[in-house]
Protein backbone atom coordinates (compact mmCIF):
# COMPACT_ATOMS: atom_id res chain seq x y z
CA MET A 1 12.25 15.15 -8.38
CA ALA A 2 9.10 14.77 -6.28
CA ARG A 3 8.94 12.21 -3.51
CA LEU A 4 5.93 9.97 -3.15
CA ARG A 5 3.87 10.71 -0.05
CA SER A 6 1.27 8.36 1.39
CA SER A 7 -2.17 9.39 0.16
CA SER A 8 -5.58 7.88 -0.27
CA LEU A 9 -5.75 6.12 -3.62
CA LEU A 10 -9.45 5.60 -3.10
CA GLY A 11 -9.99 9.27 -2.33
CA ALA A 12 -8.15 10.44 -5.44
CA ILE A 13 -9.93 8.05 -7.77
CA VAL A 14 -13.24 8.97 -6.16
CA VAL A 15 -12.54 12.57 -7.17
CA LEU A 16 -11.77 11.41 -10.70
CA ALA A 17 -14.94 9.33 -10.93
CA LEU A 18 -17.10 12.13 -9.57
CA ALA A 19 -15.63 14.70 -11.93
CA ALA A 20 -16.32 12.42 -14.87
CA SER A 21 -19.77 11.25 -13.89
CA GLY A 22 -21.26 14.24 -12.12
CA CYS A 23 -23.17 11.91 -9.83
CA SER A 24 -25.77 13.23 -7.43
CA LYS A 25 -25.29 13.54 -3.69
CA ASP A 26 -26.24 10.74 -1.34
CA LYS A 27 -26.45 10.99 2.43
CA PRO A 28 -25.00 8.37 4.78
CA LYS A 29 -27.74 5.95 5.79
CA SER A 30 -28.50 4.39 9.13
CA GLU A 31 -27.37 0.85 9.88
CA ALA A 32 -30.85 -0.51 9.31
CA SER A 33 -31.06 0.85 5.79
CA THR A 34 -27.47 0.28 4.67
CA LYS A 35 -27.06 -2.39 2.00
CA ALA A 36 -24.40 -5.02 2.40
CA GLU A 37 -22.98 -4.62 -1.08
CA PRO A 38 -20.74 -1.73 -2.15
CA THR A 39 -22.63 1.31 -3.43
CA PRO A 40 -21.65 4.11 -5.79
CA VAL A 41 -19.47 6.74 -4.14
CA PRO A 42 -21.62 9.67 -2.92
CA SER A 43 -20.32 13.06 -4.00
CA ASP A 44 -20.44 14.48 -0.46
CA MET A 45 -18.68 11.53 1.17
CA VAL A 46 -15.96 12.58 3.61
CA PHE A 47 -13.99 9.53 4.62
CA ASN A 48 -12.87 11.24 7.82
CA ASP A 49 -11.88 14.86 8.10
CA PHE A 50 -10.18 14.08 11.40
CA LEU A 51 -7.64 11.93 9.56
CA PRO A 52 -4.37 13.43 8.26
CA SER A 53 -4.76 14.57 4.66
CA THR A 54 -1.76 12.49 3.58
CA GLY A 55 -2.66 9.04 4.79
CA SER A 56 -4.72 7.04 7.21
CA ALA A 57 -5.17 7.89 10.85
CA ALA A 58 -2.00 6.13 11.87
CA GLY A 59 0.02 7.20 8.86
CA LEU A 60 0.10 3.61 7.65
CA GLY A 61 1.75 3.36 4.30
CA VAL A 62 3.03 0.58 2.17
CA ARG A 63 6.42 -0.91 2.73
CA ASP A 64 6.70 -4.57 1.83
CA SER A 65 3.00 -4.34 0.97
CA GLY A 66 1.99 -3.79 4.54
CA LEU A 67 3.72 -1.79 7.22
CA GLU A 68 5.71 1.18 6.01
CA GLY A 69 5.66 3.98 8.47
CA GLY A 70 3.64 2.48 11.24
CA LEU A 71 2.69 5.47 13.28
CA GLY A 72 3.58 8.30 10.91
CA GLU A 73 2.01 11.42 12.38
CA VAL A 74 0.89 9.50 15.46
CA GLY A 75 4.44 8.51 16.32
CA GLY A 76 5.95 11.87 15.48
CA GLY A 77 7.25 11.06 11.98
CA GLU A 78 6.12 12.42 8.68
CA PRO A 79 3.56 10.47 6.67
CA GLY A 80 5.53 8.13 4.47
CA ASP A 81 8.55 8.32 6.78
CA ALA A 82 9.61 4.73 6.99
CA HIS A 83 10.35 4.87 10.67
CA GLY A 84 8.42 7.74 12.17
CA GLY A 85 11.27 9.27 14.12
CA HIS A 86 13.41 6.14 14.60
CA GLU A 87 16.43 7.39 12.68
CA GLY A 88 18.80 4.65 11.65
CA ASP A 89 16.35 1.91 12.61
CA LYS A 90 16.69 -0.15 9.44
CA LEU A 91 14.65 -3.10 8.36
CA ALA A 92 16.15 -6.43 9.34
CA VAL A 93 15.42 -10.04 8.45
CA LYS A 94 15.47 -12.64 11.21
CA VAL A 95 15.47 -16.35 10.33
CA ILE A 96 13.09 -18.41 12.48
CA GLU A 97 13.63 -21.76 10.73
CA ALA A 98 16.35 -22.39 8.13
CA GLY A 99 14.29 -25.00 6.27
CA ALA A 100 15.25 -28.33 4.74
CA GLU A 101 18.51 -29.25 3.01
CA PRO A 102 19.82 -28.32 0.53
CA ARG A 103 20.07 -24.72 1.68
CA ALA A 104 21.52 -21.76 -0.17
CA VAL A 105 21.82 -18.00 0.11
CA ARG A 106 19.29 -16.61 -2.35
CA LYS A 107 19.81 -13.29 -4.14
CA TYR A 108 18.23 -11.31 -6.97
CA THR A 109 20.40 -10.63 -10.02
CA PHE A 110 18.48 -8.56 -12.57
CA VAL A 111 19.32 -8.18 -16.25
CA ALA A 112 19.96 -4.59 -17.30
CA ASN A 113 17.46 -3.03 -19.74
CA LYS A 114 15.26 -6.15 -19.86
CA VAL A 115 11.66 -4.90 -19.79
CA ASP A 116 9.11 -6.73 -17.63
CA LYS A 117 5.49 -5.95 -18.51
CA ARG A 118 3.12 -6.25 -15.57
CA ILE A 119 -0.49 -5.39 -14.79
CA LEU A 120 -1.31 -4.23 -11.26
CA THR A 121 -4.95 -4.46 -10.19
CA ILE A 122 -5.83 -2.61 -6.99
CA THR A 123 -9.17 -2.91 -5.24
CA GLN A 124 -9.81 -0.70 -2.24
CA ALA A 125 -12.84 -0.44 0.00
CA VAL A 126 -13.65 1.82 2.93
CA SER A 127 -16.50 1.59 5.42
CA GLN A 128 -17.08 4.00 8.29
CA SER A 129 -19.44 4.53 11.19
CA ALA A 130 -19.87 7.39 13.63
CA GLY A 131 -22.61 8.67 15.89
CA GLY A 132 -24.81 5.64 15.32
CA GLN A 133 -24.75 6.03 11.52
CA ASN A 134 -22.96 3.91 8.92
CA ALA A 135 -21.73 5.35 5.64
CA PRO A 136 -22.30 3.01 2.67
CA ALA A 137 -19.29 0.87 1.76
CA GLN A 138 -17.12 2.56 -0.85
CA GLU A 139 -15.23 0.27 -3.24
CA ILE A 140 -13.24 0.95 -6.36
CA THR A 141 -10.89 -0.98 -8.67
CA LEU A 142 -7.97 0.41 -10.64
CA LYS A 143 -5.76 -1.36 -13.20
CA ILE A 144 -2.29 0.00 -13.91
CA HIS A 145 -0.23 -1.33 -16.83
CA LEU A 146 3.51 -1.03 -16.21
CA ASP A 147 6.78 -1.44 -18.07
CA VAL A 148 9.49 -2.04 -15.47
CA THR A 149 13.14 -1.91 -16.54
CA PRO A 150 16.35 -2.41 -14.53
CA LYS A 151 18.37 0.66 -15.54
CA GLN A 152 21.41 0.29 -13.31
CA VAL A 153 22.44 -3.16 -12.13
CA LYS A 154 25.14 -3.66 -9.50
CA PRO A 155 26.06 -6.56 -7.21
CA ALA A 156 24.23 -4.83 -4.35
CA GLY A 157 21.01 -4.42 -6.35
CA ALA A 158 19.38 -2.47 -9.16
CA MET A 159 17.74 0.86 -9.91
CA MET A 160 14.37 0.14 -11.51
CA GLU A 161 12.27 2.37 -13.74
CA ALA A 162 8.51 1.78 -13.73
CA LYS A 163 6.61 3.48 -16.53
CA VAL A 164 2.82 3.71 -16.61
CA THR A 165 1.58 2.74 -20.07
CA LYS A 166 -2.15 2.54 -19.40
CA VAL A 167 -4.63 3.12 -16.55
CA GLU A 168 -8.10 1.59 -16.42
CA LEU A 169 -10.98 2.35 -14.08
CA PRO A 170 -13.56 -0.42 -14.67
CA GLY A 171 -17.09 0.93 -14.70
CA ALA A 172 -16.04 4.55 -15.21
CA PRO A 173 -18.00 6.67 -17.70
CA PRO A 174 -16.43 7.27 -21.15
CA GLN A 175 -15.51 10.87 -20.32
CA ALA A 176 -13.05 9.59 -17.69
CA ALA A 177 -10.84 8.11 -20.41
CA GLN A 178 -9.16 11.44 -21.20
CA MET A 179 -8.26 12.06 -17.56
CA LEU A 180 -6.87 8.56 -17.18
CA ALA A 181 -4.88 8.85 -20.40
CA ALA A 182 -3.24 12.02 -19.09
CA VAL A 183 -1.13 9.97 -16.66
CA ASN A 184 0.25 7.66 -19.36
CA GLY A 185 4.00 8.04 -19.45
CA LEU A 186 4.31 8.74 -15.74
CA ALA A 187 7.62 7.20 -14.69
CA GLY A 188 8.86 6.26 -11.25
CA THR A 189 12.19 4.93 -10.06
CA PHE A 190 13.01 2.78 -7.06
CA GLU A 191 15.83 0.59 -5.85
CA ILE A 192 15.71 -3.14 -5.16
CA SER A 193 18.58 -4.64 -3.19
CA SER A 194 20.00 -8.05 -4.03
CA SER A 195 18.27 -9.33 -0.88
CA GLY A 196 14.89 -8.02 -2.02
CA GLU A 197 14.34 -4.81 -0.08
CA ALA A 198 12.41 -2.41 -2.31
CA GLY A 199 12.97 1.28 -1.67
CA GLU A 200 10.68 4.28 -1.85
CA VAL A 201 9.33 5.30 -5.24
CA SER A 202 10.17 8.73 -6.64
CA PHE A 203 8.80 10.03 -9.91
CA VAL A 204 9.25 12.58 -12.64
CA GLY A 205 6.55 13.95 -14.89
CA SER A 206 5.19 17.06 -16.53
CA PRO A 207 3.63 19.77 -14.31
CA GLN A 208 0.22 18.53 -15.45
CA MET A 209 1.00 15.16 -13.90
CA ARG A 210 1.82 16.56 -10.47
CA ASN A 211 -1.61 16.11 -8.97
CA GLN A 212 -3.42 13.86 -6.51
CA LEU A 213 -4.37 11.29 -9.15
CA ALA A 214 -0.78 10.92 -10.35
CA GLU A 215 0.50 10.77 -6.78
CA SER A 216 -2.04 8.08 -5.93
CA ILE A 217 -1.09 6.02 -8.97
CA LEU A 218 2.52 6.24 -7.84
CA GLN A 219 1.38 4.93 -4.47
CA GLY A 220 -0.07 1.99 -6.39
CA VAL A 221 3.29 1.55 -8.10
CA SER A 222 4.91 1.62 -4.66
CA GLN A 223 2.63 -1.20 -3.55
CA ALA A 224 3.59 -3.13 -6.67
CA ALA A 225 7.28 -2.57 -5.95
CA GLN A 226 6.92 -4.37 -2.64
CA LEU A 227 5.22 -7.34 -4.34
CA PHE A 228 7.68 -7.61 -7.22
CA VAL A 229 10.22 -9.19 -4.85
CA SER A 230 10.21 -10.80 -1.43
CA PRO A 231 12.80 -9.74 1.15
CA LEU A 232 15.25 -12.57 1.77
CA PRO A 233 17.60 -13.54 4.62
CA THR A 234 21.33 -13.30 4.09
CA GLU A 235 21.70 -16.77 5.64
CA PRO A 236 21.28 -20.04 3.68
CA ILE A 237 17.65 -21.21 3.54
CA GLY A 238 15.79 -24.21 2.16
CA LEU A 239 12.27 -25.41 1.52
CA GLY A 240 9.98 -24.59 4.44
CA ALA A 241 12.20 -21.82 5.80
CA LYS A 242 10.52 -19.13 7.91
CA TRP A 243 11.72 -15.60 8.62
CA GLU A 244 10.49 -12.28 9.96
CA LEU A 245 10.87 -8.76 8.65
CA GLY A 246 10.91 -5.76 10.92
CA SER A 247 12.76 -3.20 12.98
CA LYS A 248 12.66 -2.02 16.57
CA SER A 249 9.92 0.46 15.73
CA ASP A 250 7.95 -2.10 13.70
CA ALA A 251 8.09 -4.57 16.59
CA GLU A 252 5.92 -2.17 18.58
CA GLN A 253 3.30 -2.19 15.82
CA GLY A 254 3.12 -5.65 14.31
CA THR A 255 4.92 -8.46 12.56
CA LYS A 256 5.41 -9.87 9.09
CA ARG A 257 6.37 -13.55 8.77
CA PHE A 258 7.45 -15.31 5.57
CA THR A 259 7.40 -18.98 4.56
CA LEU A 260 9.30 -20.50 1.63
CA LYS A 261 6.66 -22.74 0.06
CA GLU A 262 8.53 -23.73 -3.12
CA VAL A 263 12.08 -23.11 -4.32
CA SER A 264 14.17 -23.81 -7.43
CA ASN A 265 17.15 -22.39 -9.26
CA GLU A 266 14.79 -20.11 -11.20
CA GLY A 267 12.68 -18.73 -8.37
CA ALA A 268 10.40 -19.45 -5.44
CA THR A 269 6.91 -19.17 -4.03
CA VAL A 270 6.85 -17.13 -0.83
CA GLU A 271 3.83 -16.56 1.39
CA SER A 272 3.65 -14.03 4.20
CA GLU A 273 1.31 -13.13 7.04
CA ILE A 274 0.98 -9.58 8.34
CA GLU A 275 -0.31 -8.57 11.76
CA ILE A 276 -0.67 -4.93 12.79
CA LYS A 277 -1.35 -3.83 16.35
CA ILE A 278 -0.93 -0.19 17.36
CA PRO A 279 -2.18 0.48 20.91
CA ARG A 280 -4.44 3.42 21.70
CA ARG A 281 -2.48 6.64 21.90
CA ALA A 282 -2.95 10.38 21.71
CA THR A 283 -2.11 12.54 18.72
CA GLN A 284 -2.88 16.02 17.44
CA SER A 285 -6.21 16.42 15.67
CA PRO A 286 -6.22 18.33 12.35
CA ARG A 287 -9.03 20.39 13.89
CA GLY A 288 -6.95 21.21 16.93
CA GLY A 289 -6.95 19.54 20.30
CA THR A 290 -6.21 15.91 21.04
CA MET A 291 -7.62 12.74 19.53
CA PHE A 292 -6.94 9.10 20.34
CA ILE A 293 -6.23 6.41 17.75
CA GLU A 294 -6.03 2.63 17.91
CA VAL A 295 -5.23 0.42 14.91
CA ASP A 296 -5.21 -3.30 14.22
CA GLY A 297 -5.06 -5.26 11.01
CA LYS A 298 -4.20 -8.48 9.23
CA GLY A 299 -2.89 -9.28 5.78
CA HIS A 300 -1.63 -12.08 3.54
CA ASN A 301 0.69 -12.08 0.52
CA SER A 302 1.59 -14.77 -2.00
CA GLN A 303 4.46 -14.12 -4.42
CA HIS A 304 5.90 -16.15 -7.30
CA VAL A 305 9.32 -14.52 -7.32
CA ARG A 306 12.10 -14.98 -9.87
CA TRP A 307 15.78 -14.54 -9.09
CA ASN A 308 16.59 -12.65 -12.31
CA GLN A 309 13.37 -10.71 -12.93
CA LEU A 310 10.23 -9.41 -11.25
CA ALA A 311 7.61 -11.70 -9.77
CA SER A 312 5.53 -13.27 -12.54
CA LYS A 313 2.48 -13.34 -10.28
CA ALA A 314 1.66 -11.98 -6.84
CA ASP A 315 -1.31 -11.02 -4.74
CA GLY A 316 -1.70 -9.28 -1.42
CA GLU A 317 -4.59 -8.47 0.89
CA LEU A 318 -4.65 -6.15 3.89
CA SER A 319 -7.50 -5.16 6.22
CA ILE A 320 -7.00 -2.32 8.70
CA ASN A 321 -9.43 -1.33 11.46
CA GLU A 322 -9.07 2.14 12.96
CA THR A 323 -10.82 3.49 16.04
CA ILE A 324 -10.61 7.26 16.43
CA GLU A 325 -11.88 9.15 19.48
CA VAL A 326 -12.40 12.89 18.97
CA PRO A 327 -14.20 15.68 20.85
CA ASP A 328 -17.91 15.64 20.09
CA PRO A 329 -18.58 18.59 17.72
CA SER A 330 -21.94 19.16 19.43
CA GLY A 331 -20.08 19.98 22.63
CA GLY A 332 -19.03 17.89 25.59
CA GLY A 333 -18.03 14.26 25.65
CA LYS A 334 -16.37 12.40 22.80
CA GLN A 335 -17.28 10.89 19.44
CA THR A 336 -15.98 7.50 18.32
CA ILE A 337 -15.34 6.94 14.63
CA ARG A 338 -14.66 3.44 13.36
CA GLN A 339 -13.21 2.90 9.92
CA THR A 340 -12.26 -0.28 8.08
CA GLN A 341 -9.97 -0.13 5.06
CA LYS A 342 -9.54 -3.20 2.88
CA SER A 343 -7.14 -3.41 -0.02
CA LYS A 344 -6.18 -6.10 -2.49
CA GLN A 345 -3.34 -5.98 -5.00
CA VAL A 346 -2.84 -8.49 -7.82
CA ILE A 347 0.18 -8.52 -10.13
CA GLU A 348 0.05 -10.45 -13.40
CA THR A 349 2.38 -10.75 -16.36
CA ALA A 350 0.97 -8.85 -19.34
CA LYS A 351 0.26 -11.05 -22.35
């Protein structure tokens, strides 16, 4: 069974779109001539060949729709490693305010074999500048239709199966349909604890499905898994309660704070704010030598969670700014590359 690794969804879908459309090459334009709106993806666009091939510069992945691995390769861990070398440093929930009375310990209790049909819409955009030039903004939207079924339900949580039933790439040429249809039937499994911690997604599929597109779609499913539920404290909470999610390693990189906006016996509305701050530090460049990376970002999630099924509606936004200093390829000095990645995920109940 293959394990999901952090990868660029945008990069994989760009490859798909280019293969289908055969678009012509465009060169990055100077700041003065760059349009504000997103432009078609140029076929020779390299997002950043200094970045690790399996993720962003800092190895940022998606755990709880925001911080997964923090530093990844920068901190010495593997991309997609949830703690980048901090073995045993598990996620923990800390209550800041218990909220109003009445308070109760909230848990998820899923119904075995009850299928939840959801549509995940992912929009990702990347902009980059280096050497006084700006690459045009690259933006793409992907819609993934999912059937999610609790296969094994225990008091501690459930093993979920997420099956891809349809993939849409709005604006793609007709010839892309066959490539998108090839990933139908891709199935991933992940665990959700009774307190709402969603685990890593693993998947099974035919050899034809084991490619960058399929892996990137599974990354999208991983993002959805973190929005299907909200992590909850083990202490009693009431309306207006606030809590934080993190670990010792996460505390060095940012915070994620939750607020209980609405609550009932059926479910709740939970909003969360994400702040990412990774100080400048040295790491190994894929080209050899040393490069320096600094990362900051902000995000916001809103989830309509249900205690006995997946969230009926959720949306999340995350913006990450990366500053990368590398040796100047022309010799001597350094080159500074600035990249902004923006992502938005929306989950809706399929009609």
